[in-house]
């Protein structure tokens, strides 16, 4: 089976306390299953302050995956950590805004915009 979603963790910036994870593909049911184990492990072991999901190459997101984003947000919040979303394309951004996710999880046009908030 062809993987529909790929995540690529970037090297953590320990000095500034953040790590970026790049998403590429479709965050649908199949995509969710493709990355769930890897992403769960990253979230569980996350020690810095800010986990940033770079959605530059994310083309689609569905409700199941949005629920999973909220799950990750809640896990991190309990550990006093932050989740942020950066660079969503117009379609993904509109979906997240319509559902109200941007009211709970900060969404920014660039990584610099988030880091300089």
PDB file of N, CA and C in Angstrom:
ATOM      1  N   UNK A   1       0.843  -1.194   0.000  1.00  0.00           N
ATOM      2  CA  UNK A   1       0.000   0.000   0.000  1.00  0.00           C
ATOM      3  C   UNK A   1       0.885   1.252   0.000  1.00  0.00           C
ATOM      4  N   UNK A   2       0.530   2.207  -0.800  1.00  0.00           N
ATOM      5  CA  UNK A   2       1.283   3.451  -0.917  1.00  0.00           C
ATOM      6  C   UNK A   2       0.975   4.350   0.282  1.00  0.00           C
ATOM      7  N   UNK A   3       2.029   4.902   0.869  1.00  0.00           N
ATOM      8  CA  UNK A   3       1.861   5.807   2.001  1.00  0.00           C
ATOM      9  C   UNK A   3       1.291   7.128   1.497  1.00  0.00           C
ATOM     10  N   UNK A   4       0.203   7.609   2.135  1.00  0.00           N
ATOM     11  CA  UNK A   4      -0.448   8.842   1.695  1.00  0.00           C
ATOM     12  C   UNK A   4      -0.006  10.074   2.481  1.00  0.00           C
ATOM     13  N   UNK A   5       0.625   9.831   3.631  1.00  0.00           N
ATOM     14  CA  UNK A   5       1.097  10.945   4.455  1.00  0.00           C
ATOM     15  C   UNK A   5       2.470  10.591   5.001  1.00  0.00           C
ATOM     16  N   UNK A   6       3.349  11.568   4.970  1.00  0.00           N
ATOM     17  CA  UNK A   6       4.700  11.378   5.482  1.00  0.00           C
ATOM     18  C   UNK A   6       5.000  12.514   6.446  1.00  0.00           C
ATOM     19  N   UNK A   7       5.647  12.180   7.561  1.00  0.00           N
ATOM     20  CA  UNK A   7       6.116  13.228   8.458  1.00  0.00           C
ATOM     21  C   UNK A   7       7.636  13.150   8.523  1.00  0.00           C
ATOM     22  N   UNK A   8       8.240  14.327   8.593  1.00  0.00           N
ATOM     23  CA  UNK A   8       9.700  14.424   8.657  1.00  0.00           C
ATOM     24  C   UNK A   8      10.079  15.329   9.825  1.00  0.00           C
ATOM     25  N   UNK A   9      10.505  14.725  10.934  1.00  0.00           N
ATOM     26  CA  UNK A   9      10.949  15.554  12.060  1.00  0.00           C
ATOM     27  C   UNK A   9      12.269  16.258  11.721  1.00  0.00           C
ATOM     28  N   UNK A  10      12.316  17.538  11.982  1.00  0.00           N
ATOM     29  CA  UNK A  10      13.540  18.310  11.795  1.00  0.00           C
ATOM     30  C   UNK A  10      14.360  18.249  13.083  1.00  0.00           C
ATOM     31  N   UNK A  11      15.619  18.593  12.992  1.00  0.00           N
ATOM     32  CA  UNK A  11      16.449  18.620  14.196  1.00  0.00           C
ATOM     33  C   UNK A  11      15.881  19.629  15.183  1.00  0.00           C
ATOM     34  N   UNK A  12      15.791  19.248  16.453  1.00  0.00           N
ATOM     35  CA  UNK A  12      15.268  20.184  17.456  1.00  0.00           C
ATOM     36  C   UNK A  12      16.184  21.401  17.613  1.00  0.00           C
ATOM     37  N   UNK A  13      15.578  22.540  17.866  1.00  0.00           N
ATOM     38  CA  UNK A  13      16.339  23.739  18.208  1.00  0.00           C
ATOM     39  C   UNK A  13      16.259  23.869  19.725  1.00  0.00           C
ATOM     40  N   UNK A  14      17.210  23.234  20.394  1.00  0.00           N
ATOM     41  CA  UNK A  14      17.165  23.192  21.853  1.00  0.00           C
ATOM     42  C   UNK A  14      17.375  24.567  22.470  1.00  0.00           C
ATOM     43  N   UNK A  15      18.167  25.408  21.826  1.00  0.00           N
ATOM     44  CA  UNK A  15      18.408  26.758  22.338  1.00  0.00           C
ATOM     45  C   UNK A  15      17.110  27.557  22.428  1.00  0.00           C
ATOM     46  N   UNK A  16      16.271  27.445  21.385  1.00  0.00           N
ATOM     47  CA  UNK A  16      15.009  28.189  21.362  1.00  0.00           C
ATOM     48  C   UNK A  16      13.825  27.341  21.835  1.00  0.00           C
ATOM     49  N   UNK A  17      14.047  26.050  22.088  1.00  0.00           N
ATOM     50  CA  UNK A  17      13.023  25.209  22.698  1.00  0.00           C
ATOM     51  C   UNK A  17      11.917  24.714  21.781  1.00  0.00           C
ATOM     52  N   UNK A  18      12.226  24.505  20.507  1.00  0.00           N
ATOM     53  CA  UNK A  18      11.180  24.016  19.615  1.00  0.00           C
ATOM     54  C   UNK A  18      11.704  22.946  18.664  1.00  0.00           C
ATOM     55  N   UNK A  19      10.752  22.190  18.122  1.00  0.00           N
ATOM     56  CA  UNK A  19      11.051  21.227  17.062  1.00  0.00           C
ATOM     57  C   UNK A  19       9.941  21.310  16.029  1.00  0.00           C
ATOM     58  N   UNK A  20      10.339  21.238  14.763  1.00  0.00           N
ATOM     59  CA  UNK A  20       9.404  21.280  13.648  1.00  0.00           C
ATOM     60  C   UNK A  20       9.254  19.871  13.080  1.00  0.00           C
ATOM     61  N   UNK A  21       8.010  19.511  12.775  1.00  0.00           N
ATOM     62  CA  UNK A  21       7.729  18.263  12.064  1.00  0.00           C
ATOM     63  C   UNK A  21       6.994  18.648  10.787  1.00  0.00           C
ATOM     64  N   UNK A  22       7.578  18.290   9.649  1.00  0.00           N
ATOM     65  CA  UNK A  22       6.969  18.600   8.356  1.00  0.00           C
ATOM     66  C   UNK A  22       5.999  17.492   7.958  1.00  0.00           C
ATOM     67  N   UNK A  23       4.836  17.890   7.468  1.00  0.00           N
ATOM     68  CA  UNK A  23       3.817  16.965   6.979  1.00  0.00           C
ATOM     69  C   UNK A  23       3.729  17.098   5.467  1.00  0.00           C
ATOM     70  N   UNK A  24       3.613  15.965   4.768  1.00  0.00           N
ATOM     71  CA  UNK A  24       3.454  15.992   3.310  1.00  0.00           C
ATOM     72  C   UNK A  24       2.454  14.923   2.900  1.00  0.00           C
ATOM     73  N   UNK A  25       1.419  15.337   2.159  1.00  0.00           N
ATOM     74  CA  UNK A  25       0.429  14.391   1.657  1.00  0.00           C
ATOM     75  C   UNK A  25      -0.957  14.701   2.160  1.00  0.00           C
ATOM     76  N   UNK A  26      -1.731  13.642   2.385  1.00  0.00           N
ATOM     77  CA  UNK A  26      -3.123  13.758   2.815  1.00  0.00           C
ATOM     78  C   UNK A  26      -3.283  13.213   4.227  1.00  0.00           C
ATOM     79  N   UNK A  27      -3.787  14.050   5.120  1.00  0.00           N
ATOM     80  CA  UNK A  27      -4.011  13.653   6.509  1.00  0.00           C
ATOM     81  C   UNK A  27      -5.456  13.161   6.616  1.00  0.00           C
ATOM     82  N   UNK A  28      -5.704  12.032   5.959  1.00  0.00           N
ATOM     83  CA  UNK A  28      -7.010  11.389   5.992  1.00  0.00           C
ATOM     84  C   UNK A  28      -6.886  10.116   6.817  1.00  0.00           C
ATOM     85  N   UNK A  29      -7.875   9.213   6.760  1.00  0.00           N
ATOM     86  CA  UNK A  29      -7.822   7.995   7.569  1.00  0.00           C
ATOM     87  C   UNK A  29      -6.563   7.175   7.272  1.00  0.00           C
ATOM     88  N   UNK A  30      -6.270   6.971   5.991  1.00  0.00           N
ATOM     89  CA  UNK A  30      -5.081   6.190   5.621  1.00  0.00           C
ATOM     90  C   UNK A  30      -3.810   6.917   6.063  1.00  0.00           C
ATOM     91  N   UNK A  31      -3.757   8.222   5.840  1.00  0.00           N
ATOM     92  CA  UNK A  31      -2.593   9.005   6.239  1.00  0.00           C
ATOM     93  C   UNK A  31      -2.392   8.987   7.739  1.00  0.00           C
ATOM     94  N   UNK A  32      -3.498   9.101   8.456  1.00  0.00           N
ATOM     95  CA  UNK A  32      -3.470   9.063   9.916  1.00  0.00           C
ATOM     96  C   UNK A  32      -2.833   7.745  10.377  1.00  0.00           C
ATOM     97  N   UNK A  33      -3.233   6.649   9.786  1.00  0.00           N
ATOM     98  CA  UNK A  33      -2.697   5.339  10.155  1.00  0.00           C
ATOM     99  C   UNK A  33      -1.220   5.215   9.750  1.00  0.00           C
ATOM    100  N   UNK A  34      -0.835   5.863   8.649  1.00  0.00           N
ATOM    101  CA  UNK A  34       0.560   5.819   8.193  1.00  0.00           C
ATOM    102  C   UNK A  34       1.526   6.399   9.226  1.00  0.00           C
ATOM    103  N   UNK A  35       1.116   7.459   9.903  1.00  0.00           N
ATOM    104  CA  UNK A  35       2.053   8.208  10.749  1.00  0.00           C
ATOM    105  C   UNK A  35       1.755   8.102  12.248  1.00  0.00           C
ATOM    106  N   UNK A  36       0.663   7.497  12.609  1.00  0.00           N
ATOM    107  CA  UNK A  36       0.213   7.503  14.016  1.00  0.00           C
ATOM    108  C   UNK A  36       1.287   6.988  14.978  1.00  0.00           C
ATOM    109  N   UNK A  37       1.832   5.835  14.706  1.00  0.00           N
ATOM    110  CA  UNK A  37       2.817   5.237  15.617  1.00  0.00           C
ATOM    111  C   UNK A  37       4.053   6.138  15.775  1.00  0.00           C
ATOM    112  N   UNK A  38       4.566   6.630  14.659  1.00  0.00           N
ATOM    113  CA  UNK A  38       5.748   7.497  14.687  1.00  0.00           C
ATOM    114  C   UNK A  38       5.453   8.801  15.423  1.00  0.00           C
ATOM    115  N   UNK A  39       4.314   9.406  15.132  1.00  0.00           N
ATOM    116  CA  UNK A  39       3.985  10.688  15.753  1.00  0.00           C
ATOM    117  C   UNK A  39       3.673  10.520  17.243  1.00  0.00           C
ATOM    118  N   UNK A  40       2.981   9.450  17.613  1.00  0.00           N
ATOM    119  CA  UNK A  40       2.714   9.198  19.030  1.00  0.00           C
ATOM    120  C   UNK A  40       4.022   9.109  19.817  1.00  0.00           C
ATOM    121  N   UNK A  41       5.011   8.417  19.259  1.00  0.00           N
ATOM    122  CA  UNK A  41       6.306   8.271  19.926  1.00  0.00           C
ATOM    123  C   UNK A  41       6.997   9.626  20.071  1.00  0.00           C
ATOM    124  N   UNK A  42       6.949  10.445  19.025  1.00  0.00           N
ATOM    125  CA  UNK A  42       7.564  11.777  19.085  1.00  0.00           C
ATOM    126  C   UNK A  42       6.903  12.642  20.155  1.00  0.00           C
ATOM    127  N   UNK A  43       5.583  12.604  20.219  1.00  0.00           N
ATOM    128  CA  UNK A  43       4.847  13.415  21.194  1.00  0.00           C
ATOM    129  C   UNK A  43       5.143  12.924  22.613  1.00  0.00           C
ATOM    130  N   UNK A  44       5.149  11.623  22.794  1.00  0.00           N
ATOM    131  CA  UNK A  44       5.402  11.046  24.122  1.00  0.00           C
ATOM    132  C   UNK A  44       6.779  11.442  24.653  1.00  0.00           C
ATOM    133  N   UNK A  45       7.773  11.474  23.774  1.00  0.00           N
ATOM    134  CA  UNK A  45       9.150  11.763  24.179  1.00  0.00           C
ATOM    135  C   UNK A  45       9.502  13.253  24.118  1.00  0.00           C
ATOM    136  N   UNK A  46       8.559  14.098  23.689  1.00  0.00           N
ATOM    137  CA  UNK A  46       8.857  15.511  23.470  1.00  0.00           C
ATOM    138  C   UNK A  46       9.206  16.215  24.777  1.00  0.00           C
ATOM    139  N   UNK A  47      10.380  16.848  24.813  1.00  0.00           N
ATOM    140  CA  UNK A  47      10.880  17.496  26.035  1.00  0.00           C
ATOM    141  C   UNK A  47      10.986  19.022  25.929  1.00  0.00           C
ATOM    142  N   UNK A  48      10.941  19.560  24.721  1.00  0.00           N
ATOM    143  CA  UNK A  48      11.100  21.006  24.537  1.00  0.00           C
ATOM    144  C   UNK A  48       9.791  21.719  24.847  1.00  0.00           C
ATOM    145  N   UNK A  49       9.719  23.009  24.563  1.00  0.00           N
ATOM    146  CA  UNK A  49       8.528  23.796  24.868  1.00  0.00           C
ATOM    147  C   UNK A  49       7.499  23.789  23.739  1.00  0.00           C
ATOM    148  N   UNK A  50       7.953  23.938  22.490  1.00  0.00           N
ATOM    149  CA  UNK A  50       7.043  24.108  21.356  1.00  0.00           C
ATOM    150  C   UNK A  50       7.236  23.027  20.296  1.00  0.00           C
ATOM    151  N   UNK A  51       6.154  22.333  19.985  1.00  0.00           N
ATOM    152  CA  UNK A  51       6.142  21.379  18.882  1.00  0.00           C
ATOM    153  C   UNK A  51       5.385  22.049  17.747  1.00  0.00           C
ATOM    154  N   UNK A  52       6.044  22.175  16.608  1.00  0.00           N
ATOM    155  CA  UNK A  52       5.480  22.922  15.482  1.00  0.00           C
ATOM    156  C   UNK A  52       5.251  21.973  14.309  1.00  0.00           C
ATOM    157  N   UNK A  53       4.013  21.905  13.847  1.00  0.00           N
ATOM    158  CA  UNK A  53       3.675  21.103  12.676  1.00  0.00           C
ATOM    159  C   UNK A  53       3.673  22.017  11.456  1.00  0.00           C
ATOM    160  N   UNK A  54       4.589  21.746  10.529  1.00  0.00           N
ATOM    161  CA  UNK A  54       4.700  22.514   9.289  1.00  0.00           C
ATOM    162  C   UNK A  54       3.812  21.852   8.243  1.00  0.00           C
ATOM    163  N   UNK A  55       2.728  22.534   7.892  1.00  0.00           N
ATOM    164  CA  UNK A  55       1.731  22.000   6.958  1.00  0.00           C
ATOM    165  C   UNK A  55       1.935  22.501   5.531  1.00  0.00           C
ATOM    166  N   UNK A  56       3.119  23.000   5.191  1.00  0.00           N
ATOM    167  CA  UNK A  56       3.386  23.528   3.854  1.00  0.00           C
ATOM    168  C   UNK A  56       2.974  22.550   2.757  1.00  0.00           C
ATOM    169  N   UNK A  57       3.299  21.281   2.923  1.00  0.00           N
ATOM    170  CA  UNK A  57       3.033  20.273   1.887  1.00  0.00           C
ATOM    171  C   UNK A  57       1.845  19.378   2.215  1.00  0.00           C
ATOM    172  N   UNK A  58       1.038  19.788   3.191  1.00  0.00           N
ATOM    173  CA  UNK A  58      -0.177  19.047   3.510  1.00  0.00           C
ATOM    174  C   UNK A  58      -1.282  19.529   2.582  1.00  0.00           C
ATOM    175  N   UNK A  59      -1.893  18.603   1.863  1.00  0.00           N
ATOM    176  CA  UNK A  59      -2.886  18.983   0.863  1.00  0.00           C
ATOM    177  C   UNK A  59      -4.331  18.781   1.314  1.00  0.00           C
ATOM    178  N   UNK A  60      -4.541  17.935   2.330  1.00  0.00           N
ATOM    179  CA  UNK A  60      -5.902  17.603   2.755  1.00  0.00           C
ATOM    180  C   UNK A  60      -5.873  17.190   4.220  1.00  0.00           C
ATOM    181  N   UNK A  61      -6.939  17.531   4.941  1.00  0.00           N
ATOM    182  CA  UNK A  61      -7.103  17.074   6.317  1.00  0.00           C
ATOM    183  C   UNK A  61      -8.578  16.770   6.540  1.00  0.00           C
ATOM    184  N   UNK A  62      -8.865  15.658   7.229  1.00  0.00           N
ATOM    185  CA  UNK A  62     -10.265  15.318   7.496  1.00  0.00           C
ATOM    186  C   UNK A  62     -10.562  15.417   8.986  1.00  0.00           C
ATOM    187  N   UNK A  63     -11.827  15.167   9.354  1.00  0.00           N
ATOM    188  CA  UNK A  63     -12.255  15.353  10.741  1.00  0.00           C
ATOM    189  C   UNK A  63     -11.562  14.388  11.703  1.00  0.00           C
ATOM    190  N   UNK A  64     -11.316  13.163  11.285  1.00  0.00           N
ATOM    191  CA  UNK A  64     -10.628  12.207  12.150  1.00  0.00           C
ATOM    192  C   UNK A  64      -9.226  12.726  12.500  1.00  0.00           C
ATOM    193  N   UNK A  65      -8.557  13.268  11.523  1.00  0.00           N
ATOM    194  CA  UNK A  65      -7.210  13.796  11.739  1.00  0.00           C
ATOM    195  C   UNK A  65      -7.233  15.069  12.573  1.00  0.00           C
ATOM    196  N   UNK A  66      -8.252  15.872  12.414  1.00  0.00           N
ATOM    197  CA  UNK A  66      -8.393  17.070  13.244  1.00  0.00           C
ATOM    198  C   UNK A  66      -8.610  16.652  14.703  1.00  0.00           C
ATOM    199  N   UNK A  67      -9.398  15.601  14.919  1.00  0.00           N
ATOM    200  CA  UNK A  67      -9.575  15.066  16.268  1.00  0.00           C
ATOM    201  C   UNK A  67      -8.251  14.603  16.858  1.00  0.00           C
ATOM    202  N   UNK A  68      -7.422  13.995  16.024  1.00  0.00           N
ATOM    203  CA  UNK A  68      -6.101  13.539  16.460  1.00  0.00           C
ATOM    204  C   UNK A  68      -5.204  14.731  16.807  1.00  0.00           C
ATOM    205  N   UNK A  69      -5.292  15.817  16.036  1.00  0.00           N
ATOM    206  CA  UNK A  69      -4.534  17.034  16.373  1.00  0.00           C
ATOM    207  C   UNK A  69      -4.944  17.544  17.755  1.00  0.00           C
ATOM    208  N   UNK A  70      -6.235  17.513  18.040  1.00  0.00           N
ATOM    209  CA  UNK A  70      -6.716  17.966  19.349  1.00  0.00           C
ATOM    210  C   UNK A  70      -6.207  17.045  20.457  1.00  0.00           C
ATOM    211  N   UNK A  71      -6.155  15.771  20.172  1.00  0.00           N
ATOM    212  CA  UNK A  71      -5.613  14.801  21.133  1.00  0.00           C
ATOM    213  C   UNK A  71      -4.152  15.138  21.449  1.00  0.00           C
ATOM    214  N   UNK A  72      -3.370  15.397  20.415  1.00  0.00           N
ATOM    215  CA  UNK A  72      -1.962  15.771  20.599  1.00  0.00           C
ATOM    216  C   UNK A  72      -1.855  17.070  21.391  1.00  0.00           C
ATOM    217  N   UNK A  73      -2.671  18.054  21.019  1.00  0.00           N
ATOM    218  CA  UNK A  73      -2.690  19.337  21.743  1.00  0.00           C
ATOM    219  C   UNK A  73      -2.947  19.107  23.233  1.00  0.00           C
ATOM    220  N   UNK A  74      -3.923  18.269  23.560  1.00  0.00           N
ATOM    221  CA  UNK A  74      -4.277  18.021  24.958  1.00  0.00           C
ATOM    222  C   UNK A  74      -3.157  17.293  25.710  1.00  0.00           C
ATOM    223  N   UNK A  75      -2.511  16.323  25.068  1.00  0.00           N
ATOM    224  CA  UNK A  75      -1.385  15.606  25.688  1.00  0.00           C
ATOM    225  C   UNK A  75      -0.269  16.590  26.012  1.00  0.00           C
ATOM    226  N   UNK A  76       0.063  17.444  25.041  1.00  0.00           N
ATOM    227  CA  UNK A  76       1.132  18.418  25.248  1.00  0.00           C
ATOM    228  C   UNK A  76       0.750  19.452  26.309  1.00  0.00           C
ATOM    229  N   UNK A  77      -0.485  19.913  26.283  1.00  0.00           N
ATOM    230  CA  UNK A  77      -0.933  20.923  27.247  1.00  0.00           C
ATOM    231  C   UNK A  77      -0.826  20.400  28.680  1.00  0.00           C
ATOM    232  N   UNK A  78      -1.130  19.129  28.885  1.00  0.00           N
ATOM    233  CA  UNK A  78      -1.010  18.539  30.226  1.00  0.00           C
ATOM    234  C   UNK A  78       0.438  18.533  30.698  1.00  0.00           C
ATOM    235  N   UNK A  79       1.376  18.517  29.753  1.00  0.00           N
ATOM    236  CA  UNK A  79       2.801  18.544  30.092  1.00  0.00           C
ATOM    237  C   UNK A  79       3.369  19.967  30.022  1.00  0.00           C
ATOM    238  N   UNK A  80       2.461  20.960  29.912  1.00  0.00           N
ATOM    239  CA  UNK A  80       2.859  22.382  29.823  1.00  0.00           C
ATOM    240  C   UNK A  80       3.701  22.650  28.575  1.00  0.00           C
ATOM    241  N   UNK A  81       3.355  21.986  27.483  1.00  0.00           N
ATOM    242  CA  UNK A  81       4.018  22.162  26.186  1.00  0.00           C
ATOM    243  C   UNK A  81       3.007  22.763  25.206  1.00  0.00           C
ATOM    244  N   UNK A  82       3.512  23.316  24.110  1.00  0.00           N
ATOM    245  CA  UNK A  82       2.655  23.970  23.119  1.00  0.00           C
ATOM    246  C   UNK A  82       2.707  23.254  21.780  1.00  0.00           C
ATOM    247  N   UNK A  83       1.569  23.243  21.098  1.00  0.00           N
ATOM    248  CA  UNK A  83       1.485  22.769  19.721  1.00  0.00           C
ATOM    249  C   UNK A  83       1.105  23.964  18.866  1.00  0.00           C
ATOM    250  N   UNK A  84       1.787  24.123  17.735  1.00  0.00           N
ATOM    251  CA  UNK A  84       1.454  25.197  16.794  1.00  0.00           C
ATOM    252  C   UNK A  84       1.457  24.638  15.387  1.00  0.00           C
ATOM    253  N   UNK A  85       0.666  25.253  14.527  1.00  0.00           N
ATOM    254  CA  UNK A  85       0.575  24.866  13.116  1.00  0.00           C
ATOM    255  C   UNK A  85       1.083  26.029  12.286  1.00  0.00           C
ATOM    256  N   UNK A  86       1.961  25.737  11.320  1.00  0.00           N
ATOM    257  CA  UNK A  86       2.464  26.801  10.459  1.00  0.00           C
ATOM    258  C   UNK A  86       2.326  26.418   8.995  1.00  0.00           C
ATOM    259  N   UNK A  87       2.184  27.440   8.177  1.00  0.00           N
ATOM    260  CA  UNK A  87       2.169  27.383   6.715  1.00  0.00           C
ATOM    261  C   UNK A  87       1.117  26.456   6.097  1.00  0.00           C
ATOM    262  N   UNK A  88      -0.114  26.438   6.625  1.00  0.00           N
ATOM    263  CA  UNK A  88      -1.122  25.610   5.949  1.00  0.00           C
ATOM    264  C   UNK A  88      -1.494  26.224   4.606  1.00  0.00           C
ATOM    265  N   UNK A  89      -1.782  25.364   3.616  1.00  0.00           N
ATOM    266  CA  UNK A  89      -2.245  25.912   2.339  1.00  0.00           C
ATOM    267  C   UNK A  89      -3.664  26.453   2.531  1.00  0.00           C
ATOM    268  N   UNK A  90      -4.181  27.137   1.538  1.00  0.00           N
ATOM    269  CA  UNK A  90      -5.472  27.829   1.671  1.00  0.00           C
ATOM    270  C   UNK A  90      -6.606  26.885   2.060  1.00  0.00           C
ATOM    271  N   UNK A  91      -6.662  25.704   1.456  1.00  0.00           N
ATOM    272  CA  UNK A  91      -7.748  24.762   1.749  1.00  0.00           C
ATOM    273  C   UNK A  91      -7.660  24.251   3.193  1.00  0.00           C
ATOM    274  N   UNK A  92      -6.487  23.801   3.607  1.00  0.00           N
ATOM    275  CA  UNK A  92      -6.312  23.277   4.966  1.00  0.00           C
ATOM    276  C   UNK A  92      -6.577  24.383   5.983  1.00  0.00           C
ATOM    277  N   UNK A  93      -6.087  25.574   5.715  1.00  0.00           N
ATOM    278  CA  UNK A  93      -6.304  26.713   6.611  1.00  0.00           C
ATOM    279  C   UNK A  93      -7.788  27.007   6.775  1.00  0.00           C
ATOM    280  N   UNK A  94      -8.525  26.997   5.674  1.00  0.00           N
ATOM    281  CA  UNK A  94      -9.966  27.268   5.715  1.00  0.00           C
ATOM    282  C   UNK A  94     -10.703  26.202   6.527  1.00  0.00           C
ATOM    283  N   UNK A  95     -10.353  24.939   6.335  1.00  0.00           N
ATOM    284  CA  UNK A  95     -10.981  23.850   7.098  1.00  0.00           C
ATOM    285  C   UNK A  95     -10.722  24.047   8.593  1.00  0.00           C
ATOM    286  N   UNK A  96      -9.476  24.304   8.958  1.00  0.00           N
ATOM    287  CA  UNK A  96      -9.120  24.468  10.366  1.00  0.00           C
ATOM    288  C   UNK A  96      -9.798  25.690  10.990  1.00  0.00           C
ATOM    289  N   UNK A  97      -9.902  26.770  10.233  1.00  0.00           N
ATOM    290  CA  UNK A  97     -10.586  27.967  10.734  1.00  0.00           C
ATOM    291  C   UNK A  97     -12.084  27.730  10.886  1.00  0.00           C
ATOM    292  N   UNK A  98     -12.694  27.082   9.899  1.00  0.00           N
ATOM    293  CA  UNK A  98     -14.135  26.828   9.919  1.00  0.00           C
ATOM    294  C   UNK A  98     -14.523  25.988  11.126  1.00  0.00           C
ATOM    295  N   UNK A  99     -13.723  24.989  11.430  1.00  0.00           N
ATOM    296  CA  UNK A  99     -14.017  24.091  12.547  1.00  0.00           C
ATOM    297  C   UNK A  99     -13.670  24.747  13.885  1.00  0.00           C
ATOM    298  N   UNK A 100     -12.840  25.758  13.865  1.00  0.00           N
ATOM    299  CA  UNK A 100     -12.477  26.474  15.087  1.00  0.00           C
ATOM    300  C   UNK A 100     -11.185  26.006  15.725  1.00  0.00           C
ATOM    301  N   UNK A 101     -10.437  25.169  15.035  1.00  0.00           N
ATOM    302  CA  UNK A 101      -9.173  24.675  15.574  1.00  0.00           C
ATOM    303  C   UNK A 101      -8.190  25.828  15.791  1.00  0.00           C
ATOM    304  N   UNK A 102      -8.241  26.815  14.921  1.00  0.00           N
ATOM    305  CA  UNK A 102      -7.306  27.942  15.053  1.00  0.00           C
ATOM    306  C   UNK A 102      -7.560  28.757  16.321  1.00  0.00           C
ATOM    307  N   UNK A 103      -8.708  28.550  16.957  1.00  0.00           N
ATOM    308  CA  UNK A 103      -8.998  29.213  18.228  1.00  0.00           C
ATOM    309  C   UNK A 103      -8.304  28.494  19.390  1.00  0.00           C
ATOM    310  N   UNK A 104      -7.959  27.227  19.176  1.00  0.00           N
ATOM    311  CA  UNK A 104      -7.373  26.402  20.234  1.00  0.00           C
ATOM    312  C   UNK A 104      -5.878  26.182  20.011  1.00  0.00           C
ATOM    313  N   UNK A 105      -5.514  25.873  18.762  1.00  0.00           N
ATOM    314  CA  UNK A 105      -4.125  25.623  18.405  1.00  0.00           C
ATOM    315  C   UNK A 105      -3.654  26.795  17.546  1.00  0.00           C
ATOM    316  N   UNK A 106      -2.620  27.517  17.982  1.00  0.00           N
ATOM    317  CA  UNK A 106      -2.149  28.663  17.195  1.00  0.00           C
ATOM    318  C   UNK A 106      -1.755  28.251  15.771  1.00  0.00           C
ATOM    319  N   UNK A 107      -2.154  29.078  14.823  1.00  0.00           N
ATOM    320  CA  UNK A 107      -1.849  28.836  13.414  1.00  0.00           C
ATOM    321  C   UNK A 107      -1.194  30.107  12.860  1.00  0.00           C
ATOM    322  N   UNK A 108      -0.032  29.944  12.215  1.00  0.00           N
ATOM    323  CA  UNK A 108       0.721  31.088  11.705  1.00  0.00           C
ATOM    324  C   UNK A 108       1.152  30.838  10.264  1.00  0.00           C
ATOM    325  N   UNK A 109       1.381  31.927   9.556  1.00  0.00           N
ATOM    326  CA  UNK A 109       1.755  31.828   8.139  1.00  0.00           C
ATOM    327  C   UNK A 109       3.188  31.353   7.934  1.00  0.00           C
ATOM    328  N   UNK A 110       4.059  31.591   8.931  1.00  0.00           N
ATOM    329  CA  UNK A 110       5.455  31.140   8.834  1.00  0.00           C
ATOM    330  C   UNK A 110       5.942  30.710  10.215  1.00  0.00           C
ATOM    331  N   UNK A 111       7.039  29.993  10.238  1.00  0.00           N
ATOM    332  CA  UNK A 111       7.652  29.604  11.503  1.00  0.00           C
ATOM    333  C   UNK A 111       8.131  30.850  12.241  1.00  0.00           C
ATOM    334  N   UNK A 112       8.741  31.785  11.540  1.00  0.00           N
ATOM    335  CA  UNK A 112       9.215  33.023  12.180  1.00  0.00           C
ATOM    336  C   UNK A 112       8.060  33.785  12.838  1.00  0.00           C
ATOM    337  N   UNK A 113       6.906  33.817  12.177  1.00  0.00           N
ATOM    338  CA  UNK A 113       5.751  34.515  12.747  1.00  0.00           C
ATOM    339  C   UNK A 113       5.343  33.865  14.075  1.00  0.00           C
ATOM    340  N   UNK A 114       5.414  32.551  14.142  1.00  0.00           N
ATOM    341  CA  UNK A 114       5.078  31.875  15.395  1.00  0.00           C
ATOM    342  C   UNK A 114       6.141  32.149  16.457  1.00  0.00           C
ATOM    343  N   UNK A 115       7.405  32.005  16.104  1.00  0.00           N
ATOM    344  CA  UNK A 115       8.478  32.165  17.079  1.00  0.00           C
ATOM    345  C   UNK A 115       8.587  33.598  17.591  1.00  0.00           C
ATOM    346  N   UNK A 116       8.171  34.567  16.784  1.00  0.00           N
ATOM    347  CA  UNK A 116       8.237  35.984  17.173  1.00  0.00           C
ATOM    348  C   UNK A 116       6.908  36.533  17.656  1.00  0.00           C
ATOM    349  N   UNK A 117       5.987  35.661  18.027  1.00  0.00           N
ATOM    350  CA  UNK A 117       4.655  36.081  18.468  1.00  0.00           C
ATOM    351  C   UNK A 117       4.685  36.972  19.685  1.00  0.00           C
TER     352      UNK A 117
END
